[in-house]
Amino acid sequence: MVKLVALFTKPSDPGNFDRHYTETHIPLVKKWPGLRNVETGKITGAIGGEAPYYQIAEMYFENMDALKTALRSPEGRAAGADLQSFAPGLVTMLYVDLAR
């Protein structure tokens, strides 16, 4: 199993970000083909100091091919375009191969 992790830094308008993220962006992501699960959460702190991130999302897929298919799909492209419209420069995306 693999996951795509999105780490967001703090937006200039957290209320607007939260509203768009919850009401628009996550519903788009949930339409991705092959998506097994999606988990999101607010970062509340970090050991030893202030957390560098505001929000995290983890999208799970059976394998890397399924993840890449989802990103290339019309639904994946729609979510990507939406991401760039409301959170430009705020997100770091990581591929994670889960330990077995």
N, C-alpha and C. Protein backbone atom coordinates (compact mmCIF):
# COMPACT_ATOMS: atom_id res chain seq x y z
N MET A 1 0.85 -1.17 0.00
CA MET A 1 0.00 0.00 0.00
C MET A 1 0.90 1.24 0.00
N VAL A 2 0.42 2.30 -0.65
CA VAL A 2 1.14 3.57 -0.70
C VAL A 2 0.18 4.69 -0.32
N LYS A 3 0.78 5.82 0.02
CA LYS A 3 -0.06 6.98 0.27
C LYS A 3 0.59 8.23 -0.28
N LEU A 4 -0.25 9.18 -0.58
CA LEU A 4 0.17 10.52 -0.99
C LEU A 4 -0.10 11.40 0.21
N VAL A 5 0.92 12.10 0.68
CA VAL A 5 0.79 12.97 1.84
C VAL A 5 0.91 14.42 1.38
N ALA A 6 -0.04 15.23 1.80
CA ALA A 6 -0.01 16.67 1.52
C ALA A 6 0.18 17.40 2.85
N LEU A 7 1.23 18.20 2.93
CA LEU A 7 1.53 19.01 4.10
C LEU A 7 1.36 20.47 3.73
N PHE A 8 0.48 21.16 4.44
CA PHE A 8 0.19 22.57 4.15
C PHE A 8 0.79 23.47 5.22
N THR A 9 1.47 24.53 4.79
CA THR A 9 1.89 25.56 5.73
C THR A 9 0.70 26.45 6.03
N LYS A 10 0.84 27.31 7.05
CA LYS A 10 -0.29 28.11 7.50
C LYS A 10 -0.69 29.14 6.43
N PRO A 11 -1.96 29.15 6.06
CA PRO A 11 -2.44 30.13 5.07
C PRO A 11 -2.61 31.50 5.71
N SER A 12 -2.64 32.54 4.90
CA SER A 12 -2.82 33.90 5.41
C SER A 12 -4.23 34.11 5.96
N ASP A 13 -5.22 33.38 5.44
CA ASP A 13 -6.60 33.46 5.92
C ASP A 13 -7.08 32.05 6.27
N PRO A 14 -6.77 31.59 7.49
CA PRO A 14 -7.11 30.22 7.86
C PRO A 14 -8.60 29.90 7.74
N GLY A 15 -9.48 30.81 8.07
CA GLY A 15 -10.91 30.56 7.99
C GLY A 15 -11.36 30.26 6.56
N ASN A 16 -10.91 31.08 5.63
CA ASN A 16 -11.26 30.86 4.22
C ASN A 16 -10.64 29.57 3.70
N PHE A 17 -9.39 29.32 4.07
CA PHE A 17 -8.72 28.08 3.68
C PHE A 17 -9.51 26.87 4.19
N ASP A 18 -9.84 26.87 5.49
CA ASP A 18 -10.55 25.74 6.09
C ASP A 18 -11.89 25.48 5.40
N ARG A 19 -12.61 26.53 5.13
CA ARG A 19 -13.91 26.41 4.49
C ARG A 19 -13.77 25.79 3.10
N HIS A 20 -12.87 26.34 2.29
CA HIS A 20 -12.68 25.82 0.93
C HIS A 20 -12.16 24.38 0.97
N TYR A 21 -11.21 24.12 1.85
CA TYR A 21 -10.61 22.79 1.96
C TYR A 21 -11.67 21.74 2.29
N THR A 22 -12.52 22.05 3.26
CA THR A 22 -13.54 21.11 3.72
C THR A 22 -14.72 20.98 2.75
N GLU A 23 -15.19 22.11 2.25
CA GLU A 23 -16.42 22.11 1.45
C GLU A 23 -16.18 21.83 -0.04
N THR A 24 -14.99 22.14 -0.53
CA THR A 24 -14.74 22.01 -1.97
C THR A 24 -13.62 21.01 -2.29
N HIS A 25 -12.45 21.19 -1.67
CA HIS A 25 -11.30 20.40 -2.09
C HIS A 25 -11.40 18.92 -1.71
N ILE A 26 -11.69 18.63 -0.47
CA ILE A 26 -11.75 17.23 -0.06
C ILE A 26 -12.85 16.47 -0.80
N PRO A 27 -14.04 17.05 -1.04
CA PRO A 27 -15.01 16.32 -1.88
C PRO A 27 -14.48 15.99 -3.28
N LEU A 28 -13.64 16.86 -3.85
CA LEU A 28 -13.02 16.55 -5.15
C LEU A 28 -12.05 15.38 -5.02
N VAL A 29 -11.25 15.38 -3.98
CA VAL A 29 -10.27 14.30 -3.77
C VAL A 29 -10.99 12.96 -3.57
N LYS A 30 -12.10 12.98 -2.86
CA LYS A 30 -12.82 11.73 -2.57
C LYS A 30 -13.40 11.08 -3.83
N LYS A 31 -13.39 11.77 -4.94
CA LYS A 31 -13.86 11.22 -6.22
C LYS A 31 -12.76 10.50 -6.99
N TRP A 32 -11.51 10.54 -6.51
CA TRP A 32 -10.40 9.92 -7.23
C TRP A 32 -10.62 8.42 -7.40
N PRO A 33 -10.39 7.93 -8.61
CA PRO A 33 -10.50 6.47 -8.81
C PRO A 33 -9.38 5.76 -8.04
N GLY A 34 -9.72 4.64 -7.43
CA GLY A 34 -8.72 3.84 -6.73
C GLY A 34 -8.38 4.31 -5.33
N LEU A 35 -8.95 5.41 -4.89
CA LEU A 35 -8.67 5.92 -3.54
C LEU A 35 -9.26 4.96 -2.52
N ARG A 36 -8.44 4.46 -1.63
CA ARG A 36 -8.90 3.51 -0.60
C ARG A 36 -9.39 4.24 0.64
N ASN A 37 -8.71 5.33 1.00
CA ASN A 37 -9.07 6.08 2.21
C ASN A 37 -8.39 7.44 2.14
N VAL A 38 -9.00 8.41 2.79
CA VAL A 38 -8.38 9.72 2.94
C VAL A 38 -8.54 10.15 4.39
N GLU A 39 -7.45 10.62 4.99
CA GLU A 39 -7.46 11.13 6.35
C GLU A 39 -6.91 12.55 6.32
N THR A 40 -7.56 13.45 7.04
CA THR A 40 -7.08 14.83 7.13
C THR A 40 -7.02 15.23 8.59
N GLY A 41 -6.18 16.19 8.88
CA GLY A 41 -6.09 16.67 10.26
C GLY A 41 -5.35 17.99 10.36
N LYS A 42 -5.68 18.73 11.40
CA LYS A 42 -4.98 19.98 11.72
C LYS A 42 -3.76 19.64 12.56
N ILE A 43 -2.66 20.26 12.26
CA ILE A 43 -1.45 20.10 13.06
C ILE A 43 -1.62 20.96 14.31
N THR A 44 -1.43 20.36 15.48
CA THR A 44 -1.65 21.10 16.73
C THR A 44 -0.38 21.43 17.48
N GLY A 45 0.75 20.92 17.03
CA GLY A 45 2.01 21.22 17.70
C GLY A 45 3.10 20.31 17.20
N ALA A 46 4.29 20.53 17.75
CA ALA A 46 5.45 19.73 17.38
C ALA A 46 6.35 19.58 18.61
N ILE A 47 7.05 18.49 18.68
CA ILE A 47 7.98 18.28 19.77
C ILE A 47 9.14 19.26 19.61
N GLY A 48 9.41 20.00 20.65
CA GLY A 48 10.56 20.90 20.66
C GLY A 48 10.36 22.25 20.01
N GLY A 49 9.15 22.61 19.66
CA GLY A 49 8.95 23.93 19.06
C GLY A 49 7.65 24.04 18.29
N GLU A 50 7.61 25.08 17.50
CA GLU A 50 6.42 25.35 16.71
C GLU A 50 6.38 24.45 15.47
N ALA A 51 5.20 23.95 15.15
CA ALA A 51 5.05 23.08 13.98
C ALA A 51 5.19 23.89 12.70
N PRO A 52 5.91 23.36 11.71
CA PRO A 52 6.07 24.07 10.44
C PRO A 52 4.85 23.92 9.52
N TYR A 53 3.89 23.08 9.92
CA TYR A 53 2.74 22.82 9.07
C TYR A 53 1.43 23.10 9.79
N TYR A 54 0.41 23.38 9.01
CA TYR A 54 -0.92 23.74 9.48
C TYR A 54 -1.92 22.60 9.34
N GLN A 55 -1.82 21.87 8.23
CA GLN A 55 -2.80 20.83 7.87
C GLN A 55 -2.07 19.67 7.21
N ILE A 56 -2.61 18.46 7.38
CA ILE A 56 -2.07 17.28 6.71
C ILE A 56 -3.23 16.50 6.08
N ALA A 57 -2.94 15.91 4.95
CA ALA A 57 -3.89 14.99 4.31
C ALA A 57 -3.11 13.77 3.85
N GLU A 58 -3.70 12.59 4.05
CA GLU A 58 -3.08 11.34 3.63
C GLU A 58 -4.09 10.57 2.80
N MET A 59 -3.72 10.29 1.55
CA MET A 59 -4.58 9.58 0.61
C MET A 59 -3.97 8.23 0.31
N TYR A 60 -4.70 7.16 0.59
CA TYR A 60 -4.19 5.79 0.50
C TYR A 60 -4.64 5.09 -0.78
N PHE A 61 -3.70 4.32 -1.36
CA PHE A 61 -3.94 3.58 -2.59
C PHE A 61 -3.31 2.19 -2.48
N GLU A 62 -3.81 1.27 -3.28
CA GLU A 62 -3.30 -0.11 -3.25
C GLU A 62 -1.82 -0.16 -3.65
N ASN A 63 -1.44 0.64 -4.67
CA ASN A 63 -0.05 0.64 -5.14
C ASN A 63 0.23 1.95 -5.87
N MET A 64 1.48 2.13 -6.27
CA MET A 64 1.89 3.37 -6.93
C MET A 64 1.18 3.57 -8.26
N ASP A 65 0.94 2.50 -8.98
CA ASP A 65 0.22 2.63 -10.26
C ASP A 65 -1.18 3.21 -10.03
N ALA A 66 -1.86 2.75 -9.00
CA ALA A 66 -3.20 3.26 -8.70
C ALA A 66 -3.14 4.73 -8.31
N LEU A 67 -2.13 5.11 -7.54
CA LEU A 67 -1.97 6.52 -7.16
C LEU A 67 -1.74 7.38 -8.39
N LYS A 68 -0.84 6.97 -9.25
CA LYS A 68 -0.53 7.75 -10.45
C LYS A 68 -1.74 7.82 -11.39
N THR A 69 -2.49 6.73 -11.49
CA THR A 69 -3.71 6.74 -12.30
C THR A 69 -4.70 7.77 -11.76
N ALA A 70 -4.84 7.81 -10.44
CA ALA A 70 -5.75 8.78 -9.82
C ALA A 70 -5.31 10.21 -10.11
N LEU A 71 -4.02 10.50 -10.00
CA LEU A 71 -3.53 11.86 -10.24
C LEU A 71 -3.73 12.29 -11.70
N ARG A 72 -3.64 11.34 -12.62
CA ARG A 72 -3.79 11.65 -14.05
C ARG A 72 -5.25 11.69 -14.50
N SER A 73 -6.14 11.20 -13.68
CA SER A 73 -7.56 11.12 -14.04
C SER A 73 -8.18 12.52 -14.11
N PRO A 74 -9.32 12.66 -14.77
CA PRO A 74 -10.02 13.96 -14.77
C PRO A 74 -10.30 14.45 -13.35
N GLU A 75 -10.64 13.53 -12.45
CA GLU A 75 -10.90 13.92 -11.06
C GLU A 75 -9.62 14.39 -10.36
N GLY A 76 -8.52 13.72 -10.66
CA GLY A 76 -7.23 14.13 -10.09
C GLY A 76 -6.79 15.48 -10.61
N ARG A 77 -6.97 15.69 -11.89
CA ARG A 77 -6.61 16.99 -12.48
C ARG A 77 -7.49 18.10 -11.94
N ALA A 78 -8.77 17.82 -11.72
CA ALA A 78 -9.68 18.84 -11.15
C ALA A 78 -9.25 19.21 -9.74
N ALA A 79 -8.87 18.22 -8.93
CA ALA A 79 -8.41 18.52 -7.57
C ALA A 79 -7.09 19.29 -7.60
N GLY A 80 -6.21 18.95 -8.54
CA GLY A 80 -4.94 19.66 -8.67
C GLY A 80 -5.15 21.11 -9.06
N ALA A 81 -6.05 21.36 -10.00
CA ALA A 81 -6.35 22.74 -10.40
C ALA A 81 -6.96 23.51 -9.24
N ASP A 82 -7.85 22.85 -8.49
CA ASP A 82 -8.45 23.50 -7.34
C ASP A 82 -7.39 23.84 -6.29
N LEU A 83 -6.47 22.91 -6.05
CA LEU A 83 -5.40 23.14 -5.09
C LEU A 83 -4.60 24.38 -5.44
N GLN A 84 -4.26 24.52 -6.70
CA GLN A 84 -3.50 25.69 -7.13
C GLN A 84 -4.29 26.99 -7.02
N SER A 85 -5.62 26.89 -7.05
CA SER A 85 -6.44 28.10 -6.97
C SER A 85 -6.59 28.62 -5.55
N PHE A 86 -6.57 27.74 -4.54
CA PHE A 86 -6.81 28.22 -3.18
C PHE A 86 -5.60 28.08 -2.25
N ALA A 87 -4.58 27.32 -2.66
CA ALA A 87 -3.42 27.13 -1.78
C ALA A 87 -2.09 27.17 -2.54
N PRO A 88 -1.92 28.13 -3.45
CA PRO A 88 -0.65 28.16 -4.20
C PRO A 88 0.53 28.40 -3.26
N GLY A 89 1.56 27.57 -3.40
CA GLY A 89 2.77 27.73 -2.60
C GLY A 89 2.67 27.24 -1.16
N LEU A 90 1.53 26.68 -0.77
CA LEU A 90 1.35 26.26 0.62
C LEU A 90 1.57 24.77 0.85
N VAL A 91 1.66 23.98 -0.21
CA VAL A 91 1.63 22.52 -0.04
C VAL A 91 2.91 21.84 -0.50
N THR A 92 3.31 20.83 0.27
CA THR A 92 4.37 19.90 -0.10
C THR A 92 3.72 18.54 -0.24
N MET A 93 3.95 17.86 -1.36
CA MET A 93 3.34 16.55 -1.61
C MET A 93 4.44 15.48 -1.56
N LEU A 94 4.17 14.39 -0.87
CA LEU A 94 5.12 13.30 -0.69
C LEU A 94 4.49 11.96 -1.04
N TYR A 95 5.24 11.10 -1.71
CA TYR A 95 4.83 9.72 -1.93
C TYR A 95 5.43 8.88 -0.80
N VAL A 96 4.62 7.99 -0.21
CA VAL A 96 5.09 7.14 0.89
C VAL A 96 4.75 5.69 0.58
N ASP A 97 5.77 4.84 0.58
CA ASP A 97 5.58 3.40 0.44
C ASP A 97 5.45 2.85 1.86
N LEU A 98 4.29 2.35 2.23
CA LEU A 98 4.06 1.92 3.60
C LEU A 98 4.80 0.62 3.89
N ALA A 99 5.44 0.56 5.04
CA ALA A 99 6.16 -0.63 5.45
C ALA A 99 5.18 -1.79 5.63
N ARG A 100 5.62 -2.94 5.29
CA ARG A 100 4.75 -4.12 5.38
C ARG A 100 5.04 -4.92 6.62
